[in-house]
ModelCIF file with pLDDT and N, C-alpha, C, O atoms, coordinates in Angstrom:
data_MODEL
#
_entry.id   MODEL 
#
_entity.id                         1 
_entity.type                       polymer 
_entity.pdbx_number_of_molecules   1 
#
_entity_poly.entity_id                      1 
_entity_poly.type                           'polypeptide(L)' 
_entity_poly.nstd_linkage                   no 
_entity_poly.nstd_monomer                   no 
_entity_poly.pdbx_seq_one_letter_code       TTDTSDAVLEHIRLAMLSAIEVHCDTQDIAVYKPIRYARDL 
_entity_poly.pdbx_seq_one_letter_code_can   TTDTSDAVLEHIRLAMLSAIEVHCDTQDIAVYKPIRYARDL 
_entity_poly.pdbx_strand_id                 A 
#
loop_
_entity_poly_seq.entity_id 
_entity_poly_seq.num 
_entity_poly_seq.mon_id 
_entity_poly_seq.hetero 
1 1  THR n 
1 2  THR n 
1 3  ASP n 
1 4  THR n 
1 5  SER n 
1 6  ASP n 
1 7  ALA n 
1 8  VAL n 
1 9  LEU n 
1 10 GLU n 
1 11 HIS n 
1 12 ILE n 
1 13 ARG n 
1 14 LEU n 
1 15 ALA n 
1 16 MET n 
1 17 LEU n 
1 18 SER n 
1 19 ALA n 
1 20 ILE n 
1 21 GLU n 
1 22 VAL n 
1 23 HIS n 
1 24 CYS n 
1 25 ASP n 
1 26 THR n 
1 27 GLN n 
1 28 ASP n 
1 29 ILE n 
1 30 ALA n 
1 31 VAL n 
1 32 TYR n 
1 33 LYS n 
1 34 PRO n 
1 35 ILE n 
1 36 ARG n 
1 37 TYR n 
1 38 ALA n 
1 39 ARG n 
1 40 ASP n 
1 41 LEU n 
#
_struct_asym.id          A 
_struct_asym.entity_id   1 
#
loop_
_ma_qa_metric.id 
_ma_qa_metric.mode 
_ma_qa_metric.name 
_ma_qa_metric.software_group_id 
_ma_qa_metric.type 
1 global pLDDT . pLDDT 
2 local  pLDDT . pLDDT 
#
_ma_qa_metric_global.metric_id      1 
_ma_qa_metric_global.metric_value   89.02 
_ma_qa_metric_global.model_id       1 
_ma_qa_metric_global.ordinal_id     1 
#
loop_
_ma_qa_metric_local.label_asym_id 
_ma_qa_metric_local.label_comp_id 
_ma_qa_metric_local.label_seq_id 
_ma_qa_metric_local.metric_id 
_ma_qa_metric_local.metric_value 
_ma_qa_metric_local.model_id 
_ma_qa_metric_local.ordinal_id 
A THR 1  2 51.00 1 1  
A THR 2  2 59.00 1 2  
A ASP 3  2 65.00 1 3  
A THR 4  2 78.00 1 4  
A SER 5  2 86.00 1 5  
A ASP 6  2 91.00 1 6  
A ALA 7  2 94.00 1 7  
A VAL 8  2 95.00 1 8  
A LEU 9  2 96.00 1 9  
A GLU 10 2 97.00 1 10 
A HIS 11 2 97.00 1 11 
A ILE 12 2 97.00 1 12 
A ARG 13 2 97.00 1 13 
A LEU 14 2 97.00 1 14 
A ALA 15 2 97.00 1 15 
A MET 16 2 97.00 1 16 
A LEU 17 2 96.00 1 17 
A SER 18 2 95.00 1 18 
A ALA 19 2 96.00 1 19 
A ILE 20 2 95.00 1 20 
A GLU 21 2 92.00 1 21 
A VAL 22 2 93.00 1 22 
A HIS 23 2 93.00 1 23 
A CYS 24 2 90.00 1 24 
A ASP 25 2 80.00 1 25 
A THR 26 2 75.00 1 26 
A GLN 27 2 71.00 1 27 
A ASP 28 2 73.00 1 28 
A ILE 29 2 80.00 1 29 
A ALA 30 2 86.00 1 30 
A VAL 31 2 92.00 1 31 
A TYR 32 2 93.00 1 32 
A LYS 33 2 93.00 1 33 
A PRO 34 2 95.00 1 34 
A ILE 35 2 96.00 1 35 
A ARG 36 2 96.00 1 36 
A TYR 37 2 96.00 1 37 
A ALA 38 2 96.00 1 38 
A ARG 39 2 95.00 1 39 
A ASP 40 2 94.00 1 40 
A LEU 41 2 95.00 1 41 
#
loop_
_atom_site.group_PDB 
_atom_site.id 
_atom_site.type_symbol 
_atom_site.label_atom_id 
_atom_site.label_alt_id 
_atom_site.label_comp_id 
_atom_site.label_asym_id 
_atom_site.label_entity_id 
_atom_site.label_seq_id 
_atom_site.pdbx_PDB_ins_code 
_atom_site.Cartn_x 
_atom_site.Cartn_y 
_atom_site.Cartn_z 
_atom_site.occupancy 
_atom_site.B_iso_or_equiv 
_atom_site.pdbx_formal_charge 
_atom_site.auth_seq_id 
_atom_site.auth_comp_id 
_atom_site.auth_asym_id 
_atom_site.auth_atom_id 
_atom_site.pdbx_PDB_model_num 
ATOM 1   N N  . THR A 1 1  ? 14.019  7.901  11.477  1.00 51.00 ? 1  THR A N  1 
ATOM 2   C CA . THR A 1 1  ? 14.370  6.699  12.203  1.00 51.00 ? 1  THR A CA 1 
ATOM 3   C C  . THR A 1 1  ? 13.617  5.534  11.594  1.00 51.00 ? 1  THR A C  1 
ATOM 4   O O  . THR A 1 1  ? 12.494  5.692  11.116  1.00 51.00 ? 1  THR A O  1 
ATOM 5   N N  . THR A 1 2  ? 14.227  4.381  11.610  1.00 59.00 ? 2  THR A N  1 
ATOM 6   C CA . THR A 1 2  ? 13.669  3.216  10.935  1.00 59.00 ? 2  THR A CA 1 
ATOM 7   C C  . THR A 1 2  ? 12.291  2.855  11.462  1.00 59.00 ? 2  THR A C  1 
ATOM 8   O O  . THR A 1 2  ? 11.392  2.565  10.673  1.00 59.00 ? 2  THR A O  1 
ATOM 9   N N  . ASP A 1 3  ? 12.106  2.864  12.757  1.00 65.00 ? 3  ASP A N  1 
ATOM 10  C CA . ASP A 1 3  ? 10.819  2.485  13.328  1.00 65.00 ? 3  ASP A CA 1 
ATOM 11  C C  . ASP A 1 3  ? 9.706   3.408  12.860  1.00 65.00 ? 3  ASP A C  1 
ATOM 12  O O  . ASP A 1 3  ? 8.644   2.942  12.446  1.00 65.00 ? 3  ASP A O  1 
ATOM 13  N N  . THR A 1 4  ? 9.937   4.702  12.922  1.00 78.00 ? 4  THR A N  1 
ATOM 14  C CA . THR A 1 4  ? 8.927   5.678  12.535  1.00 78.00 ? 4  THR A CA 1 
ATOM 15  C C  . THR A 1 4  ? 8.624   5.584  11.052  1.00 78.00 ? 4  THR A C  1 
ATOM 16  O O  . THR A 1 4  ? 7.457   5.533  10.661  1.00 78.00 ? 4  THR A O  1 
ATOM 17  N N  . SER A 1 5  ? 9.653   5.560  10.223  1.00 86.00 ? 5  SER A N  1 
ATOM 18  C CA . SER A 1 5  ? 9.424   5.532  8.781   1.00 86.00 ? 5  SER A CA 1 
ATOM 19  C C  . SER A 1 5  ? 8.777   4.217  8.353   1.00 86.00 ? 5  SER A C  1 
ATOM 20  O O  . SER A 1 5  ? 7.952   4.213  7.438   1.00 86.00 ? 5  SER A O  1 
ATOM 21  N N  . ASP A 1 6  ? 9.129   3.110  8.989   1.00 91.00 ? 6  ASP A N  1 
ATOM 22  C CA . ASP A 1 6  ? 8.496   1.837  8.659   1.00 91.00 ? 6  ASP A CA 1 
ATOM 23  C C  . ASP A 1 6  ? 7.017   1.845  9.029   1.00 91.00 ? 6  ASP A C  1 
ATOM 24  O O  . ASP A 1 6  ? 6.185   1.328  8.285   1.00 91.00 ? 6  ASP A O  1 
ATOM 25  N N  . ALA A 1 7  ? 6.695   2.426  10.168  1.00 94.00 ? 7  ALA A N  1 
ATOM 26  C CA . ALA A 1 7  ? 5.290   2.499  10.599  1.00 94.00 ? 7  ALA A CA 1 
ATOM 27  C C  . ALA A 1 7  ? 4.477   3.368  9.645   1.00 94.00 ? 7  ALA A C  1 
ATOM 28  O O  . ALA A 1 7  ? 3.354   3.013  9.287   1.00 94.00 ? 7  ALA A O  1 
ATOM 29  N N  . VAL A 1 8  ? 5.033   4.496  9.237   1.00 95.00 ? 8  VAL A N  1 
ATOM 30  C CA . VAL A 1 8  ? 4.347   5.399  8.298   1.00 95.00 ? 8  VAL A CA 1 
ATOM 31  C C  . VAL A 1 8  ? 4.184   4.710  6.953   1.00 95.00 ? 8  VAL A C  1 
ATOM 32  O O  . VAL A 1 8  ? 3.112   4.763  6.351   1.00 95.00 ? 8  VAL A O  1 
ATOM 33  N N  . LEU A 1 9  ? 5.238   4.065  6.483   1.00 96.00 ? 9  LEU A N  1 
ATOM 34  C CA . LEU A 1 9  ? 5.191   3.348  5.211   1.00 96.00 ? 9  LEU A CA 1 
ATOM 35  C C  . LEU A 1 9  ? 4.077   2.300  5.227   1.00 96.00 ? 9  LEU A C  1 
ATOM 36  O O  . LEU A 1 9  ? 3.294   2.216  4.281   1.00 96.00 ? 9  LEU A O  1 
ATOM 37  N N  . GLU A 1 10 ? 4.002   1.516  6.278   1.00 97.00 ? 10 GLU A N  1 
ATOM 38  C CA . GLU A 1 10 ? 2.976   0.473  6.366   1.00 97.00 ? 10 GLU A CA 1 
ATOM 39  C C  . GLU A 1 10 ? 1.572   1.055  6.487   1.00 97.00 ? 10 GLU A C  1 
ATOM 40  O O  . GLU A 1 10 ? 0.622   0.521  5.914   1.00 97.00 ? 10 GLU A O  1 
ATOM 41  N N  . HIS A 1 11 ? 1.444   2.142  7.227   1.00 97.00 ? 11 HIS A N  1 
ATOM 42  C CA . HIS A 1 11 ? 0.134   2.781  7.378   1.00 97.00 ? 11 HIS A CA 1 
ATOM 43  C C  . HIS A 1 11 ? -0.386  3.280  6.027   1.00 97.00 ? 11 HIS A C  1 
ATOM 44  O O  . HIS A 1 11 ? -1.548  3.057  5.686   1.00 97.00 ? 11 HIS A O  1 
ATOM 45  N N  . ILE A 1 12 ? 0.468   3.947  5.270   1.00 97.00 ? 12 ILE A N  1 
ATOM 46  C CA . ILE A 1 12 ? 0.065   4.470  3.966   1.00 97.00 ? 12 ILE A CA 1 
ATOM 47  C C  . ILE A 1 12 ? -0.169  3.330  2.985   1.00 97.00 ? 12 ILE A C  1 
ATOM 48  O O  . ILE A 1 12 ? -1.126  3.360  2.212   1.00 97.00 ? 12 ILE A O  1 
ATOM 49  N N  . ARG A 1 13 ? 0.702   2.326  3.016   1.00 97.00 ? 13 ARG A N  1 
ATOM 50  C CA . ARG A 1 13 ? 0.537   1.171  2.135   1.00 97.00 ? 13 ARG A CA 1 
ATOM 51  C C  . ARG A 1 13 ? -0.827  0.502  2.373   1.00 97.00 ? 13 ARG A C  1 
ATOM 52  O O  . ARG A 1 13 ? -1.551  0.199  1.425   1.00 97.00 ? 13 ARG A O  1 
ATOM 53  N N  . LEU A 1 14 ? -1.166  0.278  3.647   1.00 97.00 ? 14 LEU A N  1 
ATOM 54  C CA . LEU A 1 14 ? -2.441  -0.357 3.965   1.00 97.00 ? 14 LEU A CA 1 
ATOM 55  C C  . LEU A 1 14 ? -3.630  0.498  3.541   1.00 97.00 ? 14 LEU A C  1 
ATOM 56  O O  . LEU A 1 14 ? -4.654  -0.032 3.110   1.00 97.00 ? 14 LEU A O  1 
ATOM 57  N N  . ALA A 1 15 ? -3.499  1.813  3.660   1.00 97.00 ? 15 ALA A N  1 
ATOM 58  C CA . ALA A 1 15 ? -4.572  2.706  3.217   1.00 97.00 ? 15 ALA A CA 1 
ATOM 59  C C  . ALA A 1 15 ? -4.767  2.608  1.702   1.00 97.00 ? 15 ALA A C  1 
ATOM 60  O O  . ALA A 1 15 ? -5.900  2.595  1.220   1.00 97.00 ? 15 ALA A O  1 
ATOM 61  N N  . MET A 1 16 ? -3.674  2.541  0.960   1.00 97.00 ? 16 MET A N  1 
ATOM 62  C CA . MET A 1 16 ? -3.760  2.448  -0.493  1.00 97.00 ? 16 MET A CA 1 
ATOM 63  C C  . MET A 1 16 ? -4.322  1.091  -0.926  1.00 97.00 ? 16 MET A C  1 
ATOM 64  O O  . MET A 1 16 ? -5.147  1.022  -1.838  1.00 97.00 ? 16 MET A O  1 
ATOM 65  N N  . LEU A 1 17 ? -3.881  0.022  -0.279  1.00 96.00 ? 17 LEU A N  1 
ATOM 66  C CA . LEU A 1 17 ? -4.392  -1.311 -0.609  1.00 96.00 ? 17 LEU A CA 1 
ATOM 67  C C  . LEU A 1 17 ? -5.866  -1.435 -0.246  1.00 96.00 ? 17 LEU A C  1 
ATOM 68  O O  . LEU A 1 17 ? -6.638  -2.076 -0.959  1.00 96.00 ? 17 LEU A O  1 
ATOM 69  N N  . SER A 1 18 ? -6.246  -0.824 0.856   1.00 95.00 ? 18 SER A N  1 
ATOM 70  C CA . SER A 1 18 ? -7.644  -0.819 1.270   1.00 95.00 ? 18 SER A CA 1 
ATOM 71  C C  . SER A 1 18 ? -8.498  -0.077 0.247   1.00 95.00 ? 18 SER A C  1 
ATOM 72  O O  . SER A 1 18 ? -9.613  -0.501 -0.059  1.00 95.00 ? 18 SER A O  1 
ATOM 73  N N  . ALA A 1 19 ? -7.981  1.019  -0.278  1.00 96.00 ? 19 ALA A N  1 
ATOM 74  C CA . ALA A 1 19 ? -8.709  1.783  -1.296  1.00 96.00 ? 19 ALA A CA 1 
ATOM 75  C C  . ALA A 1 19 ? -8.952  0.924  -2.538  1.00 96.00 ? 19 ALA A C  1 
ATOM 76  O O  . ALA A 1 19 ? -10.013 1.010  -3.156  1.00 96.00 ? 19 ALA A O  1 
ATOM 77  N N  . ILE A 1 20 ? -7.976  0.104  -2.900  1.00 95.00 ? 20 ILE A N  1 
ATOM 78  C CA . ILE A 1 20 ? -8.155  -0.789 -4.047  1.00 95.00 ? 20 ILE A CA 1 
ATOM 79  C C  . ILE A 1 20 ? -9.258  -1.796 -3.750  1.00 95.00 ? 20 ILE A C  1 
ATOM 80  O O  . ILE A 1 20 ? -10.137 -2.027 -4.581  1.00 95.00 ? 20 ILE A O  1 
ATOM 81  N N  . GLU A 1 21 ? -9.209  -2.392 -2.565  1.00 92.00 ? 21 GLU A N  1 
ATOM 82  C CA . GLU A 1 21 ? -10.200 -3.411 -2.199  1.00 92.00 ? 21 GLU A CA 1 
ATOM 83  C C  . GLU A 1 21 ? -11.616 -2.839 -2.131  1.00 92.00 ? 21 GLU A C  1 
ATOM 84  O O  . GLU A 1 21 ? -12.577 -3.489 -2.542  1.00 92.00 ? 21 GLU A O  1 
ATOM 85  N N  . VAL A 1 22 ? -11.734 -1.621 -1.612  1.00 93.00 ? 22 VAL A N  1 
ATOM 86  C CA . VAL A 1 22 ? -13.057 -1.012 -1.432  1.00 93.00 ? 22 VAL A CA 1 
ATOM 87  C C  . VAL A 1 22 ? -13.616 -0.451 -2.739  1.00 93.00 ? 22 VAL A C  1 
ATOM 88  O O  . VAL A 1 22 ? -14.807 -0.596 -3.015  1.00 93.00 ? 22 VAL A O  1 
ATOM 89  N N  . HIS A 1 23 ? -12.770 0.185  -3.541  1.00 93.00 ? 23 HIS A N  1 
ATOM 90  C CA . HIS A 1 23 ? -13.268 0.956  -4.672  1.00 93.00 ? 23 HIS A CA 1 
ATOM 91  C C  . HIS A 1 23 ? -13.066 0.325  -6.044  1.00 93.00 ? 23 HIS A C  1 
ATOM 92  O O  . HIS A 1 23 ? -13.616 0.815  -7.031  1.00 93.00 ? 23 HIS A O  1 
ATOM 93  N N  . CYS A 1 24 ? -12.301 -0.734 -6.123  1.00 90.00 ? 24 CYS A N  1 
ATOM 94  C CA . CYS A 1 24 ? -12.080 -1.363 -7.429  1.00 90.00 ? 24 CYS A CA 1 
ATOM 95  C C  . CYS A 1 24 ? -12.876 -2.655 -7.514  1.00 90.00 ? 24 CYS A C  1 
ATOM 96  O O  . CYS A 1 24 ? -12.954 -3.412 -6.547  1.00 90.00 ? 24 CYS A O  1 
ATOM 97  N N  . ASP A 1 25 ? -13.470 -2.902 -8.685  1.00 80.00 ? 25 ASP A N  1 
ATOM 98  C CA . ASP A 1 25 ? -14.286 -4.096 -8.879  1.00 80.00 ? 25 ASP A CA 1 
ATOM 99  C C  . ASP A 1 25 ? -13.463 -5.365 -8.752  1.00 80.00 ? 25 ASP A C  1 
ATOM 100 O O  . ASP A 1 25 ? -13.912 -6.344 -8.156  1.00 80.00 ? 25 ASP A O  1 
ATOM 101 N N  . THR A 1 26 ? -12.287 -5.351 -9.298  1.00 75.00 ? 26 THR A N  1 
ATOM 102 C CA . THR A 1 26 ? -11.377 -6.487 -9.187  1.00 75.00 ? 26 THR A CA 1 
ATOM 103 C C  . THR A 1 26 ? -10.059 -5.971 -8.639  1.00 75.00 ? 26 THR A C  1 
ATOM 104 O O  . THR A 1 26 ? -9.752  -4.783 -8.727  1.00 75.00 ? 26 THR A O  1 
ATOM 105 N N  . GLN A 1 27 ? -9.297  -6.877 -8.078  1.00 71.00 ? 27 GLN A N  1 
ATOM 106 C CA . GLN A 1 27 ? -7.998  -6.467 -7.551  1.00 71.00 ? 27 GLN A CA 1 
ATOM 107 C C  . GLN A 1 27 ? -7.046  -6.265 -8.723  1.00 71.00 ? 27 GLN A C  1 
ATOM 108 O O  . GLN A 1 27 ? -6.556  -7.227 -9.314  1.00 71.00 ? 27 GLN A O  1 
ATOM 109 N N  . ASP A 1 28 ? -6.796  -5.014 -9.047  1.00 73.00 ? 28 ASP A N  1 
ATOM 110 C CA . ASP A 1 28 ? -5.957  -4.656 -10.183 1.00 73.00 ? 28 ASP A CA 1 
ATOM 111 C C  . ASP A 1 28 ? -4.495  -4.939 -9.833  1.00 73.00 ? 28 ASP A C  1 
ATOM 112 O O  . ASP A 1 28 ? -3.857  -4.168 -9.116  1.00 73.00 ? 28 ASP A O  1 
ATOM 113 N N  . ILE A 1 29 ? -3.974  -6.057 -10.351 1.00 80.00 ? 29 ILE A N  1 
ATOM 114 C CA . ILE A 1 29 ? -2.612  -6.495 -10.035 1.00 80.00 ? 29 ILE A CA 1 
ATOM 115 C C  . ILE A 1 29 ? -1.575  -5.465 -10.467 1.00 80.00 ? 29 ILE A C  1 
ATOM 116 O O  . ILE A 1 29 ? -0.558  -5.293 -9.795  1.00 80.00 ? 29 ILE A O  1 
ATOM 117 N N  . ALA A 1 30 ? -1.820  -4.781 -11.580 1.00 86.00 ? 30 ALA A N  1 
ATOM 118 C CA . ALA A 1 30 ? -0.866  -3.780 -12.064 1.00 86.00 ? 30 ALA A CA 1 
ATOM 119 C C  . ALA A 1 30 ? -0.685  -2.646 -11.061 1.00 86.00 ? 30 ALA A C  1 
ATOM 120 O O  . ALA A 1 30 ? 0.365   -2.004 -11.036 1.00 86.00 ? 30 ALA A O  1 
ATOM 121 N N  . VAL A 1 31 ? -1.678  -2.399 -10.251 1.00 92.00 ? 31 VAL A N  1 
ATOM 122 C CA . VAL A 1 31 ? -1.596  -1.362 -9.222  1.00 92.00 ? 31 VAL A CA 1 
ATOM 123 C C  . VAL A 1 31 ? -1.275  -1.980 -7.866  1.00 92.00 ? 31 VAL A C  1 
ATOM 124 O O  . VAL A 1 31 ? -0.483  -1.433 -7.098  1.00 92.00 ? 31 VAL A O  1 
ATOM 125 N N  . TYR A 1 32 ? -1.885  -3.109 -7.579  1.00 93.00 ? 32 TYR A N  1 
ATOM 126 C CA . TYR A 1 32 ? -1.753  -3.739 -6.271  1.00 93.00 ? 32 TYR A CA 1 
ATOM 127 C C  . TYR A 1 32 ? -0.319  -4.154 -5.950  1.00 93.00 ? 32 TYR A C  1 
ATOM 128 O O  . TYR A 1 32 ? 0.193   -3.836 -4.877  1.00 93.00 ? 32 TYR A O  1 
ATOM 129 N N  . LYS A 1 33 ? 0.328   -4.859 -6.871  1.00 93.00 ? 33 LYS A N  1 
ATOM 130 C CA . LYS A 1 33 ? 1.667   -5.387 -6.597  1.00 93.00 ? 33 LYS A CA 1 
ATOM 131 C C  . LYS A 1 33 ? 2.708   -4.299 -6.328  1.00 93.00 ? 33 LYS A C  1 
ATOM 132 O O  . LYS A 1 33 ? 3.451   -4.412 -5.353  1.00 93.00 ? 33 LYS A O  1 
ATOM 133 N N  . PRO A 1 34 ? 2.791   -3.252 -7.149  1.00 95.00 ? 34 PRO A N  1 
ATOM 134 C CA . PRO A 1 34 ? 3.799   -2.224 -6.850  1.00 95.00 ? 34 PRO A CA 1 
ATOM 135 C C  . PRO A 1 34 ? 3.567   -1.527 -5.501  1.00 95.00 ? 34 PRO A C  1 
ATOM 136 O O  . PRO A 1 34 ? 4.521   -1.154 -4.819  1.00 95.00 ? 34 PRO A O  1 
ATOM 137 N N  . ILE A 1 35 ? 2.300   -1.357 -5.124  1.00 96.00 ? 35 ILE A N  1 
ATOM 138 C CA . ILE A 1 35 ? 2.007   -0.753 -3.823  1.00 96.00 ? 35 ILE A CA 1 
ATOM 139 C C  . ILE A 1 35 ? 2.406   -1.727 -2.720  1.00 96.00 ? 35 ILE A C  1 
ATOM 140 O O  . ILE A 1 35 ? 3.040   -1.334 -1.741  1.00 96.00 ? 35 ILE A O  1 
ATOM 141 N N  . ARG A 1 36 ? 2.043   -2.971 -2.873  1.00 96.00 ? 36 ARG A N  1 
ATOM 142 C CA . ARG A 1 36 ? 2.326   -3.993 -1.863  1.00 96.00 ? 36 ARG A CA 1 
ATOM 143 C C  . ARG A 1 36 ? 3.812   -4.138 -1.606  1.00 96.00 ? 36 ARG A C  1 
ATOM 144 O O  . ARG A 1 36 ? 4.219   -4.341 -0.462  1.00 96.00 ? 36 ARG A O  1 
ATOM 145 N N  . TYR A 1 37 ? 4.635   -4.040 -2.645  1.00 96.00 ? 37 TYR A N  1 
ATOM 146 C CA . TYR A 1 37 ? 6.065   -4.286 -2.501  1.00 96.00 ? 37 TYR A CA 1 
ATOM 147 C C  . TYR A 1 37 ? 6.925   -3.023 -2.560  1.00 96.00 ? 37 TYR A C  1 
ATOM 148 O O  . TYR A 1 37 ? 8.143   -3.117 -2.711  1.00 96.00 ? 37 TYR A O  1 
ATOM 149 N N  . ALA A 1 38 ? 6.313   -1.853 -2.445  1.00 96.00 ? 38 ALA A N  1 
ATOM 150 C CA . ALA A 1 38 ? 7.078   -0.592 -2.445  1.00 96.00 ? 38 ALA A CA 1 
ATOM 151 C C  . ALA A 1 38 ? 8.036   -0.562 -1.269  1.00 96.00 ? 38 ALA A C  1 
ATOM 152 O O  . ALA A 1 38 ? 7.676   -0.965 -0.162  1.00 96.00 ? 38 ALA A O  1 
ATOM 153 N N  . ARG A 1 39 ? 9.236   -0.095 -1.495  1.00 95.00 ? 39 ARG A N  1 
ATOM 154 C CA . ARG A 1 39 ? 10.269  -0.090 -0.459  1.00 95.00 ? 39 ARG A CA 1 
ATOM 155 C C  . ARG A 1 39 ? 10.333  1.198  0.349   1.00 95.00 ? 39 ARG A C  1 
ATOM 156 O O  . ARG A 1 39 ? 10.889  1.221  1.447   1.00 95.00 ? 39 ARG A O  1 
ATOM 157 N N  . ASP A 1 40 ? 9.762   2.269  -0.197  1.00 94.00 ? 40 ASP A N  1 
ATOM 158 C CA . ASP A 1 40 ? 9.837   3.533  0.532   1.00 94.00 ? 40 ASP A CA 1 
ATOM 159 C C  . ASP A 1 40 ? 8.634   4.416  0.206   1.00 94.00 ? 40 ASP A C  1 
ATOM 160 O O  . ASP A 1 40 ? 7.814   4.094  -0.654  1.00 94.00 ? 40 ASP A O  1 
ATOM 161 N N  . LEU A 1 41 ? 8.555   5.534  0.917   1.00 95.00 ? 41 LEU A N  1 
ATOM 162 C CA . LEU A 1 41 ? 7.430   6.456  0.734   1.00 95.00 ? 41 LEU A CA 1 
ATOM 163 C C  . LEU A 1 41 ? 7.399   7.060  -0.661  1.00 95.00 ? 41 LEU A C  1 
ATOM 164 O O  . LEU A 1 41 ? 6.512   7.856  -0.970  1.00 95.00 ? 41 LEU A O  1 
#
């Protein structure tokens, strides 16, 4: 269902973006942008 899959997608996306912010010295755009704009799981 759209609501469930959208919530899961956003939860995982935020976890991945958070990992970049916490563990990478600089915000690696080559990794950050594709994660930020991914359309599905």
